[in-house]
Amino acid sequence: MMPRTPHTGSYYAATANDKNDRPRLQSAIDCDICIVGAGFTGLSSALHLAEAGFKVVILEGARIGFGASGRNGGQLVNSYSRDIDVIERNYGSELAGALGDMAFEGANIIRERIETYQIQCDYKQGGIFAAFNKKQMHELEEQKARWEKLGNNKLTLLDQAALREHIDTDAYVGALLDNHGGHIHPLNLALGEAAAFESLGGQIFEDSKVIRIDRSPRPVIHTSEGRITCNYLLLAGNAYLGGLVPELAAKSMPCGTQIVTTEILGKDKARSLLPTQHCVEDCNYKLDYYRITGDNRLLFGGGTTYGGGDPASIENFLRPHLEKVFPQLKGVKFDYAWGGDFLLTLSRLPQLGRLTDNIYYAQGYSGHGVTTTHLIGKLMGEVMKGHAERFDAFASLKHFPFPGGHLLRVPYTALGAFYYGMRDKFGI
């Protein structure tokens, strides 16, 4: 028997609620909708579609939540990787208004899924954006004003003294608290959504990598041991889709991010670091993010490796970042360290669209995937029921290849990141 693909050696995989394998695809199946990828895009879409009565099958090349969905920081960050003012400047007020109306929907969908299907994923409310300098603080003030215009009335600006009530550090000058955000154990959320989908009759096949797609009137999706024939196909592999669809790979780039998790700190020590248990991300271009886990560890992530992959030592890379924020944790033991790839687009906005009348795709959340994927899942449910307006708002965004093509996109993007990193360092 062929060995099954293991998850990465992450804290999430070690504490997963469901360690059961799903079968490989070893037969021919006919269905309404086939989805390639059992991450948040695929699972959210599948659950909405199953609730609407469609027969849906998911093909996963590895394990449920194997990619970014099961490896990320677990933060429910609202809006998109480019905020509404940038969207309005580049695409006009009408499209900005349409996307703005959806900017806070993803987090609500996640909370509804957790409540409806009783998903145990350590959900906690509240997220903090922390500023290192006055320039970043001014940007947070502007962000608060923009978000309040879009209906988010759960925002509070914190000066340095007020922030100390939430984070035991002198690293920041202030912050913005978003009580519409929060954090979760992402792999357990994915596994809970998978179980909910299966409870409605949905099928998931793991270790069933797609090797070929026939773009026929009814698409046929081939794996090494089986095939799916369907009315509609959704490609939701994101950074792990590989070269299966060259036209999608041409306008995106995998990027790596890394995370460590400390030893169990105990409730008292964990609460001393983050008394209100909100998650935190800083305002740097290449930002760091952290939170307390359900079993009282500090989970700390950051950095970006353009082109994907990890540094030689994740622990050595992240330790100085962690100890800068929390010098009281100097020398703390790390129990887990892992990396994973997310998919970056040149515009930093999601890529949605159709390859043919019945082949859809959704990818490229550029670091804001946890909430946006859940929104996209809802939009896929709307499309299949004949309501394409909101999906088409995203699909109308124009996307371009990275400068320099496939060979030069990494150094060009890294050079731009270096420039913005210098601006962060000097507060300009």
Protein backbone atom coordinates (compact mmCIF):
# COMPACT_ATOMS: atom_id res chain seq x y z
CA MET A 1 0.00 0.00 0.00
CA MET A 2 1.29 3.47 -0.89
CA PRO A 3 2.21 5.56 2.18
CA ARG A 4 -0.04 8.47 3.07
CA THR A 5 1.24 12.04 2.92
CA PRO A 6 1.89 13.39 6.43
CA HIS A 7 1.14 16.92 7.52
CA THR A 8 4.04 19.25 8.13
CA GLY A 9 5.49 18.99 11.64
CA SER A 10 3.45 21.87 12.99
CA TYR A 11 1.80 22.58 16.32
CA TYR A 12 -1.50 22.44 14.46
CA ALA A 13 -0.91 18.94 13.09
CA ALA A 14 0.19 17.73 16.53
CA THR A 15 -3.03 19.06 18.11
CA ALA A 16 -5.49 18.25 15.31
CA ASN A 17 -8.89 17.05 16.48
CA ASP A 18 -9.25 14.65 13.55
CA LYS A 19 -6.28 12.56 12.44
CA ASN A 20 -8.29 10.19 10.23
CA ASP A 21 -7.28 9.65 6.62
CA ARG A 22 -9.77 10.10 3.81
CA PRO A 23 -9.59 7.54 0.98
CA ARG A 24 -7.76 7.97 -2.30
CA LEU A 25 -9.82 8.34 -5.45
CA GLN A 26 -9.69 4.90 -7.08
CA SER A 27 -12.80 4.95 -9.26
CA ALA A 28 -14.77 7.04 -11.74
CA ILE A 29 -17.33 9.41 -10.18
CA ASP A 30 -19.92 11.74 -11.68
CA CYS A 31 -20.98 14.82 -9.70
CA ASP A 32 -22.39 18.31 -10.00
CA ILE A 33 -19.26 20.14 -8.85
CA CYS A 34 -15.66 19.02 -8.41
CA ILE A 35 -13.29 21.10 -6.31
CA VAL A 36 -9.50 20.76 -6.50
CA GLY A 37 -7.99 21.60 -3.12
CA ALA A 38 -9.16 20.92 0.45
CA GLY A 39 -8.02 24.21 1.94
CA PHE A 40 -10.30 27.00 3.11
CA THR A 41 -11.33 28.05 -0.41
CA GLY A 42 -12.32 24.53 -1.35
CA LEU A 43 -13.88 23.60 1.98
CA SER A 44 -15.83 26.84 2.38
CA SER A 45 -17.13 26.57 -1.19
CA ALA A 46 -17.98 22.89 -0.77
CA LEU A 47 -19.93 23.48 2.42
CA HIS A 48 -22.00 26.31 0.93
CA LEU A 49 -22.67 24.23 -2.17
CA ALA A 50 -23.61 21.10 -0.22
CA GLU A 51 -26.00 23.17 1.89
CA ALA A 52 -27.61 24.27 -1.39
CA GLY A 53 -28.16 20.65 -2.39
CA PHE A 54 -25.36 20.13 -4.94
CA LYS A 55 -23.44 16.86 -5.18
CA VAL A 56 -19.85 17.96 -4.53
CA VAL A 57 -16.54 16.08 -4.53
CA ILE A 58 -13.20 17.49 -3.32
CA LEU A 59 -9.89 16.19 -4.61
CA GLU A 60 -6.90 16.93 -2.36
CA GLY A 61 -3.34 16.14 -3.46
CA ALA A 62 -2.14 15.66 0.12
CA ARG A 63 -4.20 16.12 3.31
CA ILE A 64 -7.09 18.37 4.34
CA GLY A 65 -5.55 21.72 5.26
CA PHE A 66 -2.10 20.63 4.07
CA GLY A 67 -1.24 24.03 2.57
CA ALA A 68 -1.59 27.56 3.90
CA SER A 69 -5.03 26.85 5.39
CA GLY A 70 -3.58 24.44 7.95
CA ARG A 71 -0.28 26.25 8.56
CA ASN A 72 -1.09 29.97 8.92
CA GLY A 73 -1.08 32.26 11.93
CA GLY A 74 -4.76 31.62 12.62
CA GLN A 75 -5.75 35.28 12.68
CA LEU A 76 -9.10 36.57 11.43
CA VAL A 77 -7.85 39.76 9.75
CA ASN A 78 -10.59 41.79 8.09
CA SER A 79 -10.57 43.44 4.67
CA TYR A 80 -7.99 42.56 2.02
CA SER A 81 -4.23 42.83 1.62
CA ARG A 82 -4.87 46.16 -0.13
CA ASP A 83 -7.35 48.39 1.65
CA ILE A 84 -10.37 50.05 0.09
CA ASP A 85 -8.68 53.41 -0.58
CA VAL A 86 -6.08 51.68 -2.77
CA ILE A 87 -8.80 49.71 -4.56
CA GLU A 88 -10.74 52.93 -5.21
CA ARG A 89 -7.63 54.71 -6.52
CA ASN A 90 -6.75 51.86 -8.89
CA TYR A 91 -10.16 50.52 -9.90
CA GLY A 92 -12.71 53.26 -9.27
CA SER A 93 -15.36 54.02 -6.67
CA GLU A 94 -18.01 51.59 -7.94
CA LEU A 95 -15.81 48.52 -7.64
CA ALA A 96 -14.33 49.75 -4.37
CA GLY A 97 -17.84 50.11 -3.00
CA ALA A 98 -18.77 46.58 -4.03
CA LEU A 99 -15.67 45.07 -2.42
CA GLY A 100 -15.99 47.34 0.59
CA ASP A 101 -19.48 45.98 1.24
CA MET A 102 -17.92 42.52 1.58
CA ALA A 103 -14.78 43.49 3.52
CA PHE A 104 -15.96 42.24 6.92
CA GLU A 105 -18.16 39.35 5.82
CA GLY A 106 -15.54 36.60 5.96
CA ALA A 107 -15.03 36.77 9.72
CA ASN A 108 -18.81 36.62 10.27
CA ILE A 109 -19.03 33.52 8.07
CA ILE A 110 -16.34 31.81 10.12
CA ARG A 111 -18.14 32.60 13.38
CA GLU A 112 -21.40 31.31 11.91
CA ARG A 113 -19.71 28.06 10.79
CA ILE A 114 -18.19 27.55 14.23
CA GLU A 115 -21.56 28.05 15.92
CA THR A 116 -23.72 26.11 13.44
CA TYR A 117 -21.50 23.04 13.27
CA GLN A 118 -20.04 23.28 16.79
CA ILE A 119 -16.47 23.33 15.52
CA GLN A 120 -13.87 23.16 18.28
CA CYS A 121 -11.04 25.40 17.05
CA ASP A 122 -10.08 27.61 20.04
CA TYR A 123 -11.88 30.70 18.69
CA LYS A 124 -11.20 33.92 20.59
CA GLN A 125 -12.40 37.42 19.74
CA GLY A 126 -10.25 40.48 19.06
CA GLY A 127 -7.22 41.42 17.00
CA ILE A 128 -4.65 44.17 17.45
CA PHE A 129 -2.66 46.08 14.81
CA ALA A 130 0.44 47.41 16.60
CA ALA A 131 2.42 50.49 15.48
CA PHE A 132 6.17 50.89 15.96
CA ASN A 133 6.21 54.63 15.19
CA LYS A 134 4.08 57.75 14.70
CA LYS A 135 3.79 57.22 10.94
CA GLN A 136 2.28 53.77 11.42
CA MET A 137 -0.01 55.11 14.13
CA HIS A 138 -1.27 57.81 11.76
CA GLU A 139 -1.98 55.12 9.16
CA LEU A 140 -4.00 53.18 11.75
CA GLU A 141 -6.05 56.30 12.48
CA GLU A 142 -6.85 56.56 8.77
CA GLN A 143 -7.66 52.85 8.60
CA LYS A 144 -10.09 53.20 11.50
CA ALA A 145 -11.90 56.01 9.70
CA ARG A 146 -12.13 53.99 6.46
CA TRP A 147 -13.36 50.86 8.19
CA GLU A 148 -15.97 52.73 10.21
CA LYS A 149 -17.38 54.11 6.95
CA LEU A 150 -17.77 50.49 5.84
CA GLY A 151 -19.74 49.60 8.97
CA ASN A 152 -17.12 48.24 11.37
CA ASN A 153 -18.04 49.92 14.66
CA LYS A 154 -15.90 47.66 16.84
CA LEU A 155 -12.63 49.61 16.54
CA THR A 156 -10.66 51.33 19.30
CA LEU A 157 -7.42 53.30 19.06
CA LEU A 158 -4.98 52.56 21.88
CA ASP A 159 -2.15 54.80 23.02
CA GLN A 160 1.01 53.26 24.47
CA ALA A 161 -0.34 53.19 28.03
CA ALA A 162 -3.67 51.63 27.00
CA LEU A 163 -1.87 49.08 24.83
CA ARG A 164 0.11 47.84 27.85
CA GLU A 165 -3.19 46.48 29.17
CA HIS A 166 -3.23 44.13 26.17
CA ILE A 167 0.48 43.42 25.45
CA ASP A 168 3.29 43.35 28.02
CA THR A 169 5.87 45.11 25.85
CA ASP A 170 7.40 48.54 25.24
CA ALA A 171 7.95 47.78 21.55
CA TYR A 172 5.01 49.83 20.23
CA VAL A 173 3.78 53.42 20.40
CA GLY A 174 0.11 52.49 20.05
CA ALA A 175 -2.34 50.25 18.23
CA LEU A 176 -5.78 49.70 16.73
CA LEU A 177 -7.99 47.09 18.40
CA ASP A 178 -10.50 45.39 16.10
CA ASN A 179 -13.08 43.45 18.07
CA HIS A 180 -14.55 42.24 14.78
CA GLY A 181 -11.41 40.14 14.32
CA GLY A 182 -10.11 37.20 16.33
CA HIS A 183 -8.10 34.01 16.10
CA ILE A 184 -8.55 30.27 15.69
CA HIS A 185 -6.70 26.96 15.37
CA PRO A 186 -6.84 26.97 11.55
CA LEU A 187 -6.32 23.27 10.90
CA ASN A 188 -9.08 22.36 13.35
CA LEU A 189 -11.37 24.88 11.65
CA ALA A 190 -10.59 23.25 8.29
CA LEU A 191 -11.16 19.75 9.68
CA GLY A 192 -14.41 20.86 11.30
CA GLU A 193 -15.65 22.30 8.02
CA ALA A 194 -14.63 19.09 6.25
CA ALA A 195 -16.66 17.05 8.73
CA ALA A 196 -19.63 19.39 8.28
CA PHE A 197 -19.40 18.98 4.50
CA GLU A 198 -19.22 15.20 4.81
CA SER A 199 -22.24 15.20 7.13
CA LEU A 200 -24.22 16.66 4.22
CA GLY A 201 -23.14 13.86 1.87
CA GLY A 202 -20.01 15.47 0.45
CA GLN A 203 -16.97 13.38 -0.45
CA ILE A 204 -13.30 14.21 0.09
CA PHE A 205 -10.46 12.21 -1.42
CA GLU A 206 -6.95 12.76 -0.04
CA ASP A 207 -3.62 11.83 -1.67
CA SER A 208 -5.45 12.27 -4.96
CA LYS A 209 -3.30 14.69 -6.90
CA VAL A 210 -4.81 15.94 -10.14
CA ILE A 211 -2.54 15.16 -13.09
CA ARG A 212 -4.72 16.30 -15.99
CA ILE A 213 -7.89 18.26 -16.70
CA ASP A 214 -9.93 17.75 -19.85
CA ARG A 215 -11.65 21.06 -20.55
CA SER A 216 -14.59 19.42 -22.26
CA PRO A 217 -18.28 20.47 -22.08
CA ARG A 218 -18.35 18.42 -18.87
CA PRO A 219 -14.84 18.72 -17.41
CA VAL A 220 -13.00 15.49 -16.58
CA ILE A 221 -10.41 15.62 -13.78
CA HIS A 222 -7.85 12.80 -13.75
CA THR A 223 -5.78 11.46 -10.88
CA SER A 224 -3.35 8.53 -11.13
CA GLU A 225 -6.04 6.07 -10.04
CA GLY A 226 -9.40 7.62 -10.89
CA ARG A 227 -11.35 10.42 -12.52
CA ILE A 228 -14.19 12.81 -11.81
CA THR A 229 -16.68 14.00 -14.44
CA CYS A 230 -18.61 17.10 -13.39
CA ASN A 231 -20.82 19.94 -14.54
CA TYR A 232 -18.61 22.57 -12.90
CA LEU A 233 -15.03 22.62 -11.68
CA LEU A 234 -13.46 24.93 -9.09
CA LEU A 235 -9.67 25.18 -8.93
CA ALA A 236 -8.77 26.04 -5.34
CA GLY A 237 -5.21 24.78 -4.93
CA ASN A 238 -3.70 28.24 -4.43
CA ALA A 239 0.09 28.08 -3.83
CA TYR A 240 -0.06 24.29 -3.96
CA LEU A 241 -1.72 24.00 -7.37
CA GLY A 242 1.71 23.76 -8.98
CA GLY A 243 1.93 23.95 -12.75
CA LEU A 244 -1.40 22.21 -13.36
CA VAL A 245 -2.89 25.35 -14.92
CA PRO A 246 -0.09 27.45 -16.45
CA GLU A 247 -2.21 30.56 -17.03
CA LEU A 248 -2.93 30.77 -13.30
CA ALA A 249 0.70 30.25 -12.28
CA ALA A 250 1.84 33.04 -14.62
CA LYS A 251 0.19 35.83 -12.60
CA SER A 252 1.04 34.73 -9.07
CA MET A 253 4.03 33.80 -6.92
CA PRO A 254 4.34 31.44 -3.94
CA CYS A 255 5.79 33.10 -0.84
CA GLY A 256 6.86 31.43 2.37
CA THR A 257 6.13 32.48 5.92
CA GLN A 258 7.39 30.85 9.11
CA ILE A 259 6.01 30.15 12.58
CA VAL A 260 7.33 28.89 15.90
CA THR A 261 5.41 27.78 18.96
CA THR A 262 6.94 27.87 22.41
CA GLU A 263 6.74 25.27 25.08
CA ILE A 264 3.61 25.43 27.24
CA LEU A 265 4.01 28.60 29.32
CA GLY A 266 1.18 28.00 31.75
CA LYS A 267 -1.91 30.16 32.13
CA ASP A 268 -0.37 32.82 34.37
CA LYS A 269 2.69 33.46 32.22
CA ALA A 270 0.68 33.39 29.00
CA ARG A 271 -1.84 35.87 30.40
CA SER A 272 0.99 38.13 31.58
CA LEU A 273 2.16 38.46 27.95
CA LEU A 274 -1.28 39.01 26.39
CA PRO A 275 -3.75 39.67 29.23
CA THR A 276 -6.79 40.05 26.96
CA GLN A 277 -5.78 37.12 24.70
CA HIS A 278 -6.19 39.14 21.50
CA CYS A 279 -4.00 38.22 18.55
CA VAL A 280 -1.47 40.80 17.35
CA GLU A 281 0.17 41.77 14.09
CA ASP A 282 2.53 44.70 13.64
CA CYS A 283 2.34 47.31 10.89
CA ASN A 284 5.63 46.63 9.12
CA TYR A 285 5.64 45.72 5.43
CA LYS A 286 7.15 42.32 6.30
CA LEU A 287 5.15 41.96 9.48
CA ASP A 288 5.32 39.71 12.53
CA TYR A 289 2.21 38.22 14.16
CA TYR A 290 1.53 36.31 17.34
CA ARG A 291 -1.08 35.05 19.80
CA ILE A 292 -1.63 32.67 22.69
CA THR A 293 -2.81 29.17 21.77
CA GLY A 294 -5.58 27.22 23.47
CA ASP A 295 -3.02 25.37 25.62
CA ASN A 296 -1.12 28.53 26.64
CA ARG A 297 1.84 28.64 24.28
CA LEU A 298 3.02 31.70 22.40
CA LEU A 299 2.65 31.17 18.66
CA PHE A 300 4.86 33.64 16.78
CA GLY A 301 5.29 34.04 13.03
CA GLY A 302 6.68 36.41 10.48
CA GLY A 303 8.91 37.17 7.57
CA THR A 304 8.39 36.43 3.91
CA THR A 305 10.53 34.33 1.58
CA TYR A 306 9.71 35.31 -1.98
CA GLY A 307 9.40 32.31 -4.27
CA GLY A 308 8.45 30.06 -1.34
CA GLY A 309 10.42 27.81 0.97
CA ASP A 310 12.00 28.37 4.36
CA PRO A 311 15.23 29.84 5.76
CA ALA A 312 17.94 27.41 6.89
CA SER A 313 16.74 27.66 10.51
CA ILE A 314 13.24 28.91 11.23
CA GLU A 315 14.05 29.04 14.95
CA ASN A 316 17.15 31.22 14.46
CA PHE A 317 15.28 33.43 12.01
CA LEU A 318 12.31 34.15 14.31
CA ARG A 319 13.90 34.14 17.77
CA PRO A 320 15.30 37.72 17.51
CA HIS A 321 11.89 38.98 16.38
CA LEU A 322 10.12 37.29 19.29
CA GLU A 323 12.67 38.42 21.88
CA LYS A 324 12.52 42.01 20.61
CA VAL A 325 8.82 42.11 21.48
CA PHE A 326 9.07 39.96 24.60
CA PRO A 327 12.60 40.21 26.08
CA GLN A 328 11.23 38.40 29.15
CA LEU A 329 11.08 35.25 26.98
CA LYS A 330 14.78 35.31 26.10
CA GLY A 331 15.94 31.72 25.58
CA VAL A 332 12.42 30.25 25.73
CA LYS A 333 12.18 26.72 24.33
CA PHE A 334 10.48 26.20 20.99
CA ASP A 335 8.49 22.98 20.68
CA TYR A 336 7.44 23.46 17.05
CA ALA A 337 8.76 25.33 14.01
CA TRP A 338 7.35 25.14 10.50
CA GLY A 339 6.83 27.06 7.32
CA GLY A 340 4.33 27.14 4.49
CA ASP A 341 3.57 28.97 1.28
CA PHE A 342 0.85 31.47 0.52
CA LEU A 343 0.15 32.88 -2.94
CA LEU A 344 1.01 36.49 -3.73
CA THR A 345 -0.42 38.55 -6.58
CA LEU A 346 1.12 41.72 -8.01
CA SER A 347 -1.92 43.78 -6.96
CA ARG A 348 -2.10 41.96 -3.59
CA LEU A 349 -5.79 41.34 -4.35
CA PRO A 350 -7.46 37.94 -4.85
CA GLN A 351 -7.70 36.43 -8.33
CA LEU A 352 -11.13 35.04 -9.19
CA GLY A 353 -12.53 34.15 -12.57
CA ARG A 354 -13.47 31.57 -15.18
CA LEU A 355 -11.19 29.64 -17.52
CA THR A 356 -14.25 28.42 -19.43
CA ASP A 357 -17.99 28.74 -18.83
CA ASN A 358 -17.84 25.93 -16.28
CA ILE A 359 -14.29 26.04 -14.90
CA TYR A 360 -13.81 28.54 -12.08
CA TYR A 361 -10.76 29.50 -10.04
CA ALA A 362 -10.02 31.42 -6.85
CA GLN A 363 -6.53 32.12 -5.52
CA GLY A 364 -3.94 34.69 -4.48
CA TYR A 365 -5.15 36.08 -1.15
CA SER A 366 -1.69 37.56 -0.49
CA GLY A 367 -1.63 36.91 3.25
CA HIS A 368 -5.31 37.68 4.01
CA GLY A 369 -6.66 34.25 3.19
CA VAL A 370 -8.38 33.10 6.38
CA THR A 371 -11.34 35.47 6.13
CA THR A 372 -11.34 36.10 2.38
CA THR A 373 -11.47 32.40 1.49
CA HIS A 374 -14.63 32.03 3.54
CA LEU A 375 -16.20 34.96 1.73
CA ILE A 376 -15.22 33.42 -1.62
CA GLY A 377 -16.84 30.13 -0.60
CA LYS A 378 -20.11 31.96 -0.09
CA LEU A 379 -19.75 33.68 -3.47
CA MET A 380 -19.20 30.31 -5.16
CA GLY A 381 -22.46 29.12 -3.66
CA GLU A 382 -24.17 32.22 -5.05
CA VAL A 383 -22.68 31.72 -8.54
CA MET A 384 -23.87 28.13 -8.78
CA LYS A 385 -27.37 29.27 -7.83
CA GLY A 386 -27.33 31.86 -10.62
CA HIS A 387 -26.30 34.96 -8.68
CA ALA A 388 -22.90 35.97 -10.03
CA GLU A 389 -22.85 39.70 -9.25
CA ARG A 390 -20.59 39.58 -6.21
CA PHE A 391 -18.26 36.97 -7.71
CA ASP A 392 -18.02 39.10 -10.86
CA ALA A 393 -16.98 42.12 -8.81
CA PHE A 394 -13.81 40.25 -7.84
CA ALA A 395 -13.49 38.70 -11.32
CA SER A 396 -13.42 42.18 -12.87
CA LEU A 397 -10.14 43.04 -11.10
CA LYS A 398 -7.37 43.12 -13.69
CA HIS A 399 -4.24 41.13 -12.85
CA PHE A 400 -0.81 41.30 -14.42
CA PRO A 401 2.34 39.16 -14.29
CA PHE A 402 5.16 40.14 -11.94
CA PRO A 403 7.86 42.32 -13.58
CA GLY A 404 10.73 40.28 -14.97
CA GLY A 405 8.68 37.18 -15.69
CA HIS A 406 9.15 33.85 -13.95
CA LEU A 407 12.92 34.14 -13.58
CA LEU A 408 13.18 37.69 -12.23
CA ARG A 409 9.94 38.05 -10.24
CA VAL A 410 11.59 36.93 -6.98
CA PRO A 411 14.56 39.38 -6.98
CA TYR A 412 12.39 42.27 -8.20
CA THR A 413 9.78 41.65 -5.49
CA ALA A 414 12.46 41.17 -2.82
CA LEU A 415 14.05 44.49 -3.84
CA GLY A 416 10.72 46.25 -3.40
CA ALA A 417 10.27 44.59 0.00
CA PHE A 418 13.75 45.76 1.03
CA TYR A 419 12.77 49.34 0.13
CA TYR A 420 9.60 49.21 2.23
CA GLY A 421 11.50 47.46 5.03
CA MET A 422 13.89 50.40 5.16
CA ARG A 423 10.96 52.80 5.34
CA ASP A 424 9.55 50.79 8.26
CA LYS A 425 12.93 50.79 10.02
CA PHE A 426 13.31 54.55 9.84
CA GLY A 427 9.63 55.41 10.23
CA ILE A 428 9.30 57.25 6.91
